[in-house]
Amino acid sequence: MLLKRARIEAYLPEKKVRVYRQMRKAIEAEFLFTFGGCTVIKGIKGLYLLSGEEPEQDEITLVYADMPFGLDENFNAVSEYSDAIREAAAEALPEQSILVVVHEVYHSI
């Protein structure tokens, strides 16, 4: 049997600056204490183009958690929550470099 859940993901640049480590730890703690756990995947490679130049590469850490409910019935609350995570990161970091994604996943139970 499949159970529908909402998953929130935060993609953070892995920089050797204290404020980035603090933001990652804050998001980890937020997801841990709000949803009962989270997964952290370090060392992901991110590629992007800057107006026709050579590709740039960043090391990214992904922090994600599954919410104990589906997205459809809680869309507005999840939208506000994800906006709050993104806004907190935008205020704390010197650049707008965090991506917050929410999507549905299905757990086999």
PDB file of N, CA and C in Angstrom:
ATOM      1  N   MET A   1       0.848  -1.180   0.000  1.00  0.00           N
ATOM      2  CA  MET A   1       0.000   0.000   0.000  1.00  0.00           C
ATOM      3  C   MET A   1       0.893   1.242   0.000  1.00  0.00           C
ATOM      4  N   LEU A   2       0.501   2.232  -0.767  1.00  0.00           N
ATOM      5  CA  LEU A   2       1.262   3.476  -0.835  1.00  0.00           C
ATOM      6  C   LEU A   2       0.563   4.573  -0.044  1.00  0.00           C
ATOM      7  N   LEU A   3       1.364   5.348   0.666  1.00  0.00           N
ATOM      8  CA  LEU A   3       0.881   6.465   1.472  1.00  0.00           C
ATOM      9  C   LEU A   3       1.479   7.751   0.921  1.00  0.00           C
ATOM     10  N   LYS A   4       0.636   8.729   0.570  1.00  0.00           N
ATOM     11  CA  LYS A   4       1.099   9.979  -0.015  1.00  0.00           C
ATOM     12  C   LYS A   4       1.599  10.925   1.077  1.00  0.00           C
ATOM     13  N   ARG A   5       2.780  11.516   0.847  1.00  0.00           N
ATOM     14  CA  ARG A   5       3.397  12.461   1.769  1.00  0.00           C
ATOM     15  C   ARG A   5       3.953  13.648   0.991  1.00  0.00           C
ATOM     16  N   ALA A   6       4.108  14.773   1.679  1.00  0.00           N
ATOM     17  CA  ALA A   6       4.789  15.934   1.109  1.00  0.00           C
ATOM     18  C   ALA A   6       6.245  15.883   1.566  1.00  0.00           C
ATOM     19  N   ARG A   7       7.159  16.175   0.662  1.00  0.00           N
ATOM     20  CA  ARG A   7       8.589  16.222   0.992  1.00  0.00           C
ATOM     21  C   ARG A   7       9.075  17.647   0.762  1.00  0.00           C
ATOM     22  N   ILE A   8       9.827  18.166   1.727  1.00  0.00           N
ATOM     23  CA  ILE A   8      10.455  19.473   1.583  1.00  0.00           C
ATOM     24  C   ILE A   8      11.956  19.265   1.476  1.00  0.00           C
ATOM     25  N   GLU A   9      12.565  19.949   0.513  1.00  0.00           N
ATOM     26  CA  GLU A   9      14.001  19.827   0.267  1.00  0.00           C
ATOM     27  C   GLU A   9      14.625  21.218   0.262  1.00  0.00           C
ATOM     28  N   ALA A  10      15.783  21.328   0.874  1.00  0.00           N
ATOM     29  CA  ALA A  10      16.554  22.568   0.845  1.00  0.00           C
ATOM     30  C   ALA A  10      17.918  22.259   0.242  1.00  0.00           C
ATOM     31  N   TYR A  11      18.228  22.933  -0.851  1.00  0.00           N
ATOM     32  CA  TYR A  11      19.519  22.783  -1.529  1.00  0.00           C
ATOM     33  C   TYR A  11      20.377  23.971  -1.126  1.00  0.00           C
ATOM     34  N   LEU A  12      21.492  23.686  -0.445  1.00  0.00           N
ATOM     35  CA  LEU A  12      22.350  24.736   0.107  1.00  0.00           C
ATOM     36  C   LEU A  12      23.758  24.632  -0.446  1.00  0.00           C
ATOM     37  N   PRO A  13      24.355  25.764  -0.821  1.00  0.00           N
ATOM     38  CA  PRO A  13      25.744  25.711  -1.241  1.00  0.00           C
ATOM     39  C   PRO A  13      26.618  25.340  -0.050  1.00  0.00           C
ATOM     40  N   GLU A  14      27.613  24.522  -0.294  1.00  0.00           N
ATOM     41  CA  GLU A  14      28.538  24.097   0.756  1.00  0.00           C
ATOM     42  C   GLU A  14      29.784  24.972   0.644  1.00  0.00           C
ATOM     43  N   LYS A  15      29.794  26.045   1.406  1.00  0.00           N
ATOM     44  CA  LYS A  15      30.926  26.969   1.373  1.00  0.00           C
ATOM     45  C   LYS A  15      31.638  26.933   2.711  1.00  0.00           C
ATOM     46  N   LYS A  16      32.886  27.286   2.688  1.00  0.00           N
ATOM     47  CA  LYS A  16      33.694  27.231   3.903  1.00  0.00           C
ATOM     48  C   LYS A  16      33.587  28.534   4.687  1.00  0.00           C
ATOM     49  N   VAL A  17      32.388  29.042   4.769  1.00  0.00           N
ATOM     50  CA  VAL A  17      32.093  30.259   5.518  1.00  0.00           C
ATOM     51  C   VAL A  17      31.118  29.879   6.628  1.00  0.00           C
ATOM     52  N   ARG A  18      31.363  30.374   7.806  1.00  0.00           N
ATOM     53  CA  ARG A  18      30.609  29.969   8.990  1.00  0.00           C
ATOM     54  C   ARG A  18      29.089  30.112   8.826  1.00  0.00           C
ATOM     55  N   VAL A  19      28.648  31.199   8.231  1.00  0.00           N
ATOM     56  CA  VAL A  19      27.214  31.459   8.120  1.00  0.00           C
ATOM     57  C   VAL A  19      26.505  30.376   7.303  1.00  0.00           C
ATOM     58  N   TYR A  20      27.175  29.786   6.325  1.00  0.00           N
ATOM     59  CA  TYR A  20      26.579  28.703   5.531  1.00  0.00           C
ATOM     60  C   TYR A  20      26.433  27.436   6.368  1.00  0.00           C
ATOM     61  N   ARG A  21      27.451  27.123   7.172  1.00  0.00           N
ATOM     62  CA  ARG A  21      27.364  25.954   8.063  1.00  0.00           C
ATOM     63  C   ARG A  21      26.256  26.151   9.091  1.00  0.00           C
ATOM     64  N   GLN A  22      26.158  27.362   9.616  1.00  0.00           N
ATOM     65  CA  GLN A  22      25.112  27.656  10.599  1.00  0.00           C
ATOM     66  C   GLN A  22      23.718  27.516   9.983  1.00  0.00           C
ATOM     67  N   MET A  23      23.546  27.974   8.756  1.00  0.00           N
ATOM     68  CA  MET A  23      22.247  27.866   8.097  1.00  0.00           C
ATOM     69  C   MET A  23      21.896  26.399   7.860  1.00  0.00           C
ATOM     70  N   ARG A  24      22.875  25.594   7.399  1.00  0.00           N
ATOM     71  CA  ARG A  24      22.605  24.174   7.194  1.00  0.00           C
ATOM     72  C   ARG A  24      22.190  23.515   8.502  1.00  0.00           C
ATOM     73  N   LYS A  25      22.910  23.798   9.580  1.00  0.00           N
ATOM     74  CA  LYS A  25      22.580  23.210  10.881  1.00  0.00           C
ATOM     75  C   LYS A  25      21.213  23.674  11.367  1.00  0.00           C
ATOM     76  N   ALA A  26      20.867  24.924  11.095  1.00  0.00           N
ATOM     77  CA  ALA A  26      19.555  25.444  11.508  1.00  0.00           C
ATOM     78  C   ALA A  26      18.429  24.744  10.750  1.00  0.00           C
ATOM     79  N   ILE A  27      18.618  24.520   9.450  1.00  0.00           N
ATOM     80  CA  ILE A  27      17.594  23.823   8.665  1.00  0.00           C
ATOM     81  C   ILE A  27      17.505  22.361   9.088  1.00  0.00           C
ATOM     82  N   GLU A  28      18.645  21.737   9.354  1.00  0.00           N
ATOM     83  CA  GLU A  28      18.623  20.360   9.860  1.00  0.00           C
ATOM     84  C   GLU A  28      17.818  20.285  11.153  1.00  0.00           C
ATOM     85  N   ALA A  29      18.088  21.193  12.083  1.00  0.00           N
ATOM     86  CA  ALA A  29      17.379  21.196  13.371  1.00  0.00           C
ATOM     87  C   ALA A  29      15.889  21.483  13.169  1.00  0.00           C
ATOM     88  N   GLU A  30      15.575  22.417  12.293  1.00  0.00           N
ATOM     89  CA  GLU A  30      14.170  22.740  12.011  1.00  0.00           C
ATOM     90  C   GLU A  30      13.416  21.520  11.502  1.00  0.00           C
ATOM     91  N   PHE A  31      13.970  20.837  10.523  1.00  0.00           N
ATOM     92  CA  PHE A  31      13.308  19.655   9.970  1.00  0.00           C
ATOM     93  C   PHE A  31      13.272  18.514  10.994  1.00  0.00           C
ATOM     94  N   LEU A  32      14.350  18.339  11.729  1.00  0.00           N
ATOM     95  CA  LEU A  32      14.420  17.274  12.730  1.00  0.00           C
ATOM     96  C   LEU A  32      13.329  17.440  13.782  1.00  0.00           C
ATOM     97  N   PHE A  33      13.218  18.635  14.350  1.00  0.00           N
ATOM     98  CA  PHE A  33      12.275  18.834  15.446  1.00  0.00           C
ATOM     99  C   PHE A  33      10.848  19.074  14.963  1.00  0.00           C
ATOM    100  N   THR A  34      10.666  19.523  13.738  1.00  0.00           N
ATOM    101  CA  THR A  34       9.313  19.728  13.212  1.00  0.00           C
ATOM    102  C   THR A  34       8.717  18.433  12.674  1.00  0.00           C
ATOM    103  N   PHE A  35       9.531  17.625  11.984  1.00  0.00           N
ATOM    104  CA  PHE A  35       9.013  16.436  11.311  1.00  0.00           C
ATOM    105  C   PHE A  35       9.542  15.121  11.886  1.00  0.00           C
ATOM    106  N   GLY A  36      10.402  15.197  12.895  1.00  0.00           N
ATOM    107  CA  GLY A  36      10.889  13.984  13.544  1.00  0.00           C
ATOM    108  C   GLY A  36      12.117  13.366  12.912  1.00  0.00           C
ATOM    109  N   GLY A  37      12.665  14.005  11.877  1.00  0.00           N
ATOM    110  CA  GLY A  37      13.865  13.497  11.238  1.00  0.00           C
ATOM    111  C   GLY A  37      14.111  14.186   9.916  1.00  0.00           C
ATOM    112  N   CYS A  38      15.305  14.018   9.404  1.00  0.00           N
ATOM    113  CA  CYS A  38      15.651  14.564   8.098  1.00  0.00           C
ATOM    114  C   CYS A  38      16.824  13.771   7.541  1.00  0.00           C
ATOM    115  N   THR A  39      17.054  13.938   6.267  1.00  0.00           N
ATOM    116  CA  THR A  39      18.182  13.302   5.591  1.00  0.00           C
ATOM    117  C   THR A  39      19.087  14.403   5.064  1.00  0.00           C
ATOM    118  N   VAL A  40      20.395  14.198   5.196  1.00  0.00           N
ATOM    119  CA  VAL A  40      21.378  15.167   4.722  1.00  0.00           C
ATOM    120  C   VAL A  40      22.308  14.443   3.752  1.00  0.00           C
ATOM    121  N   ILE A  41      22.394  14.971   2.544  1.00  0.00           N
ATOM    122  CA  ILE A  41      23.282  14.410   1.531  1.00  0.00           C
ATOM    123  C   ILE A  41      24.278  15.498   1.138  1.00  0.00           C
ATOM    124  N   LYS A  42      25.544  15.260   1.440  1.00  0.00           N
ATOM    125  CA  LYS A  42      26.598  16.232   1.130  1.00  0.00           C
ATOM    126  C   LYS A  42      27.319  15.832  -0.151  1.00  0.00           C
ATOM    127  N   GLY A  43      27.996  16.808  -0.737  1.00  0.00           N
ATOM    128  CA  GLY A  43      28.856  16.532  -1.875  1.00  0.00           C
ATOM    129  C   GLY A  43      28.142  16.411  -3.204  1.00  0.00           C
ATOM    130  N   ILE A  44      26.955  16.978  -3.316  1.00  0.00           N
ATOM    131  CA  ILE A  44      26.246  16.968  -4.593  1.00  0.00           C
ATOM    132  C   ILE A  44      26.854  18.055  -5.478  1.00  0.00           C
ATOM    133  N   LYS A  45      26.990  17.762  -6.751  1.00  0.00           N
ATOM    134  CA  LYS A  45      27.560  18.733  -7.682  1.00  0.00           C
ATOM    135  C   LYS A  45      26.434  19.509  -8.352  1.00  0.00           C
ATOM    136  N   GLY A  46      26.526  20.831  -8.296  1.00  0.00           N
ATOM    137  CA  GLY A  46      25.582  21.697  -8.991  1.00  0.00           C
ATOM    138  C   GLY A  46      26.298  22.421 -10.114  1.00  0.00           C
ATOM    139  N   LEU A  47      25.689  22.461 -11.282  1.00  0.00           N
ATOM    140  CA  LEU A  47      26.263  23.146 -12.442  1.00  0.00           C
ATOM    141  C   LEU A  47      25.305  24.237 -12.912  1.00  0.00           C
ATOM    142  N   TYR A  48      25.856  25.353 -13.354  1.00  0.00           N
ATOM    143  CA  TYR A  48      25.031  26.415 -13.900  1.00  0.00           C
ATOM    144  C   TYR A  48      25.855  27.248 -14.862  1.00  0.00           C
ATOM    145  N   LEU A  49      25.158  27.959 -15.735  1.00  0.00           N
ATOM    146  CA  LEU A  49      25.802  28.839 -16.708  1.00  0.00           C
ATOM    147  C   LEU A  49      25.589  30.290 -16.310  1.00  0.00           C
ATOM    148  N   LEU A  50      26.623  31.076 -16.487  1.00  0.00           N
ATOM    149  CA  LEU A  50      26.530  32.510 -16.268  1.00  0.00           C
ATOM    150  C   LEU A  50      26.607  33.206 -17.615  1.00  0.00           C
ATOM    151  N   SER A  51      25.486  33.581 -18.144  1.00  0.00           N
ATOM    152  CA  SER A  51      25.351  34.321 -19.417  1.00  0.00           C
ATOM    153  C   SER A  51      26.366  33.911 -20.486  1.00  0.00           C
ATOM    154  N   GLY A  52      26.298  32.651 -20.880  1.00  0.00           N
ATOM    155  CA  GLY A  52      27.102  32.162 -21.990  1.00  0.00           C
ATOM    156  C   GLY A  52      28.538  31.822 -21.672  1.00  0.00           C
ATOM    157  N   GLU A  53      28.955  31.978 -20.437  1.00  0.00           N
ATOM    158  CA  GLU A  53      30.327  31.642 -20.064  1.00  0.00           C
ATOM    159  C   GLU A  53      30.465  30.133 -19.875  1.00  0.00           C
ATOM    160  N   GLU A  54      31.620  29.734 -19.449  1.00  0.00           N
ATOM    161  CA  GLU A  54      31.864  28.327 -19.127  1.00  0.00           C
ATOM    162  C   GLU A  54      30.997  27.928 -17.927  1.00  0.00           C
ATOM    163  N   PRO A  55      30.645  26.655 -17.833  1.00  0.00           N
ATOM    164  CA  PRO A  55      29.840  26.200 -16.691  1.00  0.00           C
ATOM    165  C   PRO A  55      30.563  26.436 -15.364  1.00  0.00           C
ATOM    166  N   GLU A  56      29.810  26.881 -14.384  1.00  0.00           N
ATOM    167  CA  GLU A  56      30.300  27.033 -13.018  1.00  0.00           C
ATOM    168  C   GLU A  56      29.852  25.808 -12.237  1.00  0.00           C
ATOM    169  N   GLN A  57      30.626  25.447 -11.232  1.00  0.00           N
ATOM    170  CA  GLN A  57      30.303  24.281 -10.418  1.00  0.00           C
ATOM    171  C   GLN A  57      30.293  24.675  -8.953  1.00  0.00           C
ATOM    172  N   ASP A  58      29.302  24.208  -8.238  1.00  0.00           N
ATOM    173  CA  ASP A  58      29.209  24.395  -6.793  1.00  0.00           C
ATOM    174  C   ASP A  58      29.022  23.043  -6.133  1.00  0.00           C
ATOM    175  N   GLU A  59      29.531  22.927  -4.928  1.00  0.00           N
ATOM    176  CA  GLU A  59      29.218  21.766  -4.114  1.00  0.00           C
ATOM    177  C   GLU A  59      27.984  22.127  -3.301  1.00  0.00           C
ATOM    178  N   ILE A  60      27.026  21.219  -3.279  1.00  0.00           N
ATOM    179  CA  ILE A  60      25.737  21.487  -2.650  1.00  0.00           C
ATOM    180  C   ILE A  60      25.442  20.404  -1.627  1.00  0.00           C
ATOM    181  N   THR A  61      24.767  20.808  -0.554  1.00  0.00           N
ATOM    182  CA  THR A  61      24.235  19.871   0.427  1.00  0.00           C
ATOM    183  C   THR A  61      22.716  19.898   0.323  1.00  0.00           C
ATOM    184  N   LEU A  62      22.119  18.732   0.286  1.00  0.00           N
ATOM    185  CA  LEU A  62      20.666  18.591   0.251  1.00  0.00           C
ATOM    186  C   LEU A  62      20.186  18.139   1.623  1.00  0.00           C
ATOM    187  N   VAL A  63      19.235  18.885   2.186  1.00  0.00           N
ATOM    188  CA  VAL A  63      18.598  18.513   3.445  1.00  0.00           C
ATOM    189  C   VAL A  63      17.114  18.339   3.135  1.00  0.00           C
ATOM    190  N   TYR A  64      16.564  17.158   3.454  1.00  0.00           N
ATOM    191  CA  TYR A  64      15.139  16.983   3.175  1.00  0.00           C
ATOM    192  C   TYR A  64      14.442  16.221   4.290  1.00  0.00           C
ATOM    193  N   ALA A  65      13.118  16.417   4.331  1.00  0.00           N
ATOM    194  CA  ALA A  65      12.282  15.733   5.308  1.00  0.00           C
ATOM    195  C   ALA A  65      10.931  15.451   4.682  1.00  0.00           C
ATOM    196  N   ASP A  66      10.325  14.354   5.114  1.00  0.00           N
ATOM    197  CA  ASP A  66       8.972  14.031   4.687  1.00  0.00           C
ATOM    198  C   ASP A  66       8.000  14.455   5.778  1.00  0.00           C
ATOM    199  N   MET A  67       6.970  15.152   5.349  1.00  0.00           N
ATOM    200  CA  MET A  67       5.954  15.640   6.275  1.00  0.00           C
ATOM    201  C   MET A  67       4.948  14.514   6.528  1.00  0.00           C
ATOM    202  N   PRO A  68       4.287  14.527   7.679  1.00  0.00           N
ATOM    203  CA  PRO A  68       3.369  13.427   8.002  1.00  0.00           C
ATOM    204  C   PRO A  68       1.983  13.577   7.369  1.00  0.00           C
ATOM    205  N   PHE A  69       1.916  14.242   6.214  1.00  0.00           N
ATOM    206  CA  PHE A  69       0.641  14.453   5.531  1.00  0.00           C
ATOM    207  C   PHE A  69       0.917  14.700   4.058  1.00  0.00           C
ATOM    208  N   GLY A  70      -0.131  14.655   3.274  1.00  0.00           N
ATOM    209  CA  GLY A  70      -0.014  14.907   1.845  1.00  0.00           C
ATOM    210  C   GLY A  70       0.000  16.397   1.537  1.00  0.00           C
ATOM    211  N   LEU A  71       0.382  16.731   0.340  1.00  0.00           N
ATOM    212  CA  LEU A  71       0.496  18.126  -0.076  1.00  0.00           C
ATOM    213  C   LEU A  71      -0.865  18.736  -0.407  1.00  0.00           C
ATOM    214  N   ASP A  72      -1.718  17.996  -1.075  1.00  0.00           N
ATOM    215  CA  ASP A  72      -2.993  18.552  -1.541  1.00  0.00           C
ATOM    216  C   ASP A  72      -3.811  19.181  -0.424  1.00  0.00           C
ATOM    217  N   GLU A  73      -4.011  18.445   0.653  1.00  0.00           N
ATOM    218  CA  GLU A  73      -4.886  18.928   1.726  1.00  0.00           C
ATOM    219  C   GLU A  73      -4.240  19.988   2.621  1.00  0.00           C
ATOM    220  N   ASN A  74      -2.942  20.227   2.462  1.00  0.00           N
ATOM    221  CA  ASN A  74      -2.231  21.204   3.291  1.00  0.00           C
ATOM    222  C   ASN A  74      -1.406  22.165   2.447  1.00  0.00           C
ATOM    223  N   PHE A  75      -1.836  22.406   1.219  1.00  0.00           N
ATOM    224  CA  PHE A  75      -1.033  23.172   0.269  1.00  0.00           C
ATOM    225  C   PHE A  75      -0.669  24.563   0.791  1.00  0.00           C
ATOM    226  N   ASN A  76      -1.638  25.307   1.319  1.00  0.00           N
ATOM    227  CA  ASN A  76      -1.358  26.674   1.777  1.00  0.00           C
ATOM    228  C   ASN A  76      -0.377  26.696   2.948  1.00  0.00           C
ATOM    229  N   ALA A  77      -0.562  25.806   3.909  1.00  0.00           N
ATOM    230  CA  ALA A  77       0.343  25.759   5.066  1.00  0.00           C
ATOM    231  C   ALA A  77       1.757  25.368   4.641  1.00  0.00           C
ATOM    232  N   VAL A  78       1.865  24.394   3.749  1.00  0.00           N
ATOM    233  CA  VAL A  78       3.183  23.962   3.269  1.00  0.00           C
ATOM    234  C   VAL A  78       3.841  25.077   2.462  1.00  0.00           C
ATOM    235  N   SER A  79       3.064  25.787   1.665  1.00  0.00           N
ATOM    236  CA  SER A  79       3.595  26.905   0.883  1.00  0.00           C
ATOM    237  C   SER A  79       4.147  27.994   1.803  1.00  0.00           C
ATOM    238  N   GLU A  80       3.396  28.354   2.834  1.00  0.00           N
ATOM    239  CA  GLU A  80       3.859  29.361   3.791  1.00  0.00           C
ATOM    240  C   GLU A  80       5.115  28.894   4.523  1.00  0.00           C
ATOM    241  N   TYR A  81       5.148  27.630   4.910  1.00  0.00           N
ATOM    242  CA  TYR A  81       6.311  27.076   5.615  1.00  0.00           C
ATOM    243  C   TYR A  81       7.549  27.109   4.723  1.00  0.00           C
ATOM    244  N   SER A  82       7.416  26.674   3.479  1.00  0.00           N
ATOM    245  CA  SER A  82       8.571  26.664   2.571  1.00  0.00           C
ATOM    246  C   SER A  82       9.041  28.092   2.272  1.00  0.00           C
ATOM    247  N   ASP A  83       8.111  29.025   2.142  1.00  0.00           N
ATOM    248  CA  ASP A  83       8.492  30.432   1.952  1.00  0.00           C
ATOM    249  C   ASP A  83       9.265  30.955   3.157  1.00  0.00           C
ATOM    250  N   ALA A  84       8.850  30.587   4.359  1.00  0.00           N
ATOM    251  CA  ALA A  84       9.535  31.032   5.572  1.00  0.00           C
ATOM    252  C   ALA A  84      10.963  30.493   5.634  1.00  0.00           C
ATOM    253  N   ILE A  85      11.156  29.231   5.231  1.00  0.00           N
ATOM    254  CA  ILE A  85      12.511  28.651   5.200  1.00  0.00           C
ATOM    255  C   ILE A  85      13.380  29.422   4.206  1.00  0.00           C
ATOM    256  N   ARG A  86      12.855  29.660   3.016  1.00  0.00           N
ATOM    257  CA  ARG A  86      13.613  30.370   1.977  1.00  0.00           C
ATOM    258  C   ARG A  86      13.930  31.802   2.414  1.00  0.00           C
ATOM    259  N   GLU A  87      12.957  32.492   2.998  1.00  0.00           N
ATOM    260  CA  GLU A  87      13.168  33.871   3.435  1.00  0.00           C
ATOM    261  C   GLU A  87      14.197  33.959   4.565  1.00  0.00           C
ATOM    262  N   ALA A  88      14.166  33.015   5.502  1.00  0.00           N
ATOM    263  CA  ALA A  88      15.150  33.006   6.589  1.00  0.00           C
ATOM    264  C   ALA A  88      16.552  32.829   6.030  1.00  0.00           C
ATOM    265  N   ALA A  89      16.691  31.955   5.057  1.00  0.00           N
ATOM    266  CA  ALA A  89      18.003  31.737   4.443  1.00  0.00           C
ATOM    267  C   ALA A  89      18.441  32.969   3.658  1.00  0.00           C
ATOM    268  N   ALA A  90      17.530  33.605   2.946  1.00  0.00           N
ATOM    269  CA  ALA A  90      17.869  34.797   2.161  1.00  0.00           C
ATOM    270  C   ALA A  90      18.337  35.929   3.071  1.00  0.00           C
ATOM    271  N   GLU A  91      17.745  36.042   4.247  1.00  0.00           N
ATOM    272  CA  GLU A  91      18.162  37.074   5.205  1.00  0.00           C
ATOM    273  C   GLU A  91      19.517  36.762   5.834  1.00  0.00           C
ATOM    274  N   ALA A  92      19.787  35.487   6.073  1.00  0.00           N
ATOM    275  CA  ALA A  92      21.005  35.091   6.785  1.00  0.00           C
ATOM    276  C   ALA A  92      22.229  34.988   5.893  1.00  0.00           C
ATOM    277  N   LEU A  93      22.033  34.680   4.615  1.00  0.00           N
ATOM    278  CA  LEU A  93      23.158  34.429   3.720  1.00  0.00           C
ATOM    279  C   LEU A  93      23.449  35.661   2.866  1.00  0.00           C
ATOM    280  N   PRO A  94      24.700  35.829   2.467  1.00  0.00           N
ATOM    281  CA  PRO A  94      25.080  37.004   1.696  1.00  0.00           C
ATOM    282  C   PRO A  94      24.601  36.987   0.240  1.00  0.00           C
ATOM    283  N   GLU A  95      24.024  35.894  -0.192  1.00  0.00           N
ATOM    284  CA  GLU A  95      23.512  35.783  -1.554  1.00  0.00           C
ATOM    285  C   GLU A  95      22.260  34.930  -1.531  1.00  0.00           C
ATOM    286  N   GLN A  96      21.441  35.072  -2.539  1.00  0.00           N
ATOM    287  CA  GLN A  96      20.255  34.224  -2.627  1.00  0.00           C
ATOM    288  C   GLN A  96      20.663  32.922  -3.289  1.00  0.00           C
ATOM    289  N   SER A  97      21.080  31.987  -2.466  1.00  0.00           N
ATOM    290  CA  SER A  97      21.679  30.783  -3.013  1.00  0.00           C
ATOM    291  C   SER A  97      21.043  29.508  -2.499  1.00  0.00           C
ATOM    292  N   ILE A  98      19.851  29.604  -1.947  1.00  0.00           N
ATOM    293  CA  ILE A  98      19.187  28.411  -1.446  1.00  0.00           C
ATOM    294  C   ILE A  98      17.957  28.148  -2.314  1.00  0.00           C
ATOM    295  N   LEU A  99      17.744  26.887  -2.616  1.00  0.00           N
ATOM    296  CA  LEU A  99      16.561  26.463  -3.358  1.00  0.00           C
ATOM    297  C   LEU A  99      15.737  25.584  -2.429  1.00  0.00           C
ATOM    298  N   VAL A 100      14.458  25.927  -2.262  1.00  0.00           N
ATOM    299  CA  VAL A 100      13.543  25.125  -1.457  1.00  0.00           C
ATOM    300  C   VAL A 100      12.518  24.522  -2.409  1.00  0.00           C
ATOM    301  N   VAL A 101      12.368  23.198  -2.335  1.00  0.00           N
ATOM    302  CA  VAL A 101      11.477  22.464  -3.227  1.00  0.00           C
ATOM    303  C   VAL A 101      10.513  21.642  -2.378  1.00  0.00           C
ATOM    304  N   VAL A 102       9.258  21.593  -2.800  1.00  0.00           N
ATOM    305  CA  VAL A 102       8.267  20.734  -2.149  1.00  0.00           C
ATOM    306  C   VAL A 102       7.606  19.901  -3.236  1.00  0.00           C
ATOM    307  N   HIS A 103       7.484  18.615  -2.984  1.00  0.00           N
ATOM    308  CA  HIS A 103       6.793  17.741  -3.935  1.00  0.00           C
ATOM    309  C   HIS A 103       6.205  16.550  -3.194  1.00  0.00           C
ATOM    310  N   GLU A 104       5.390  15.800  -3.887  1.00  0.00           N
ATOM    311  CA  GLU A 104       4.784  14.628  -3.282  1.00  0.00           C
ATOM    312  C   GLU A 104       5.657  13.394  -3.483  1.00  0.00           C
ATOM    313  N   VAL A 105       5.674  12.571  -2.463  1.00  0.00           N
ATOM    314  CA  VAL A 105       6.340  11.273  -2.550  1.00  0.00           C
ATOM    315  C   VAL A 105       5.344  10.237  -2.019  1.00  0.00           C
ATOM    316  N   TYR A 106       5.613   8.985  -2.334  1.00  0.00           N
ATOM    317  CA  TYR A 106       4.757   7.902  -1.882  1.00  0.00           C
ATOM    318  C   TYR A 106       5.598   6.910  -1.105  1.00  0.00           C
ATOM    319  N   HIS A 107       5.177   6.636   0.134  1.00  0.00           N
ATOM    320  CA  HIS A 107       5.872   5.669   0.973  1.00  0.00           C
ATOM    321  C   HIS A 107       5.142   4.339   0.895  1.00  0.00           C
ATOM    322  N   SER A 108       5.880   3.271   0.764  1.00  0.00           N
ATOM    323  CA  SER A 108       5.303   1.943   0.805  1.00  0.00           C
ATOM    324  C   SER A 108       5.194   1.509   2.255  1.00  0.00           C
ATOM    325  N   ILE A 109       3.990   1.166   2.662  1.00  0.00           N
ATOM    326  CA  ILE A 109       3.795   0.750   4.068  1.00  0.00           C
ATOM    327  C   ILE A 109       3.249  -0.662   4.121  1.00  0.00           C
TER     328      ILE A 109
END
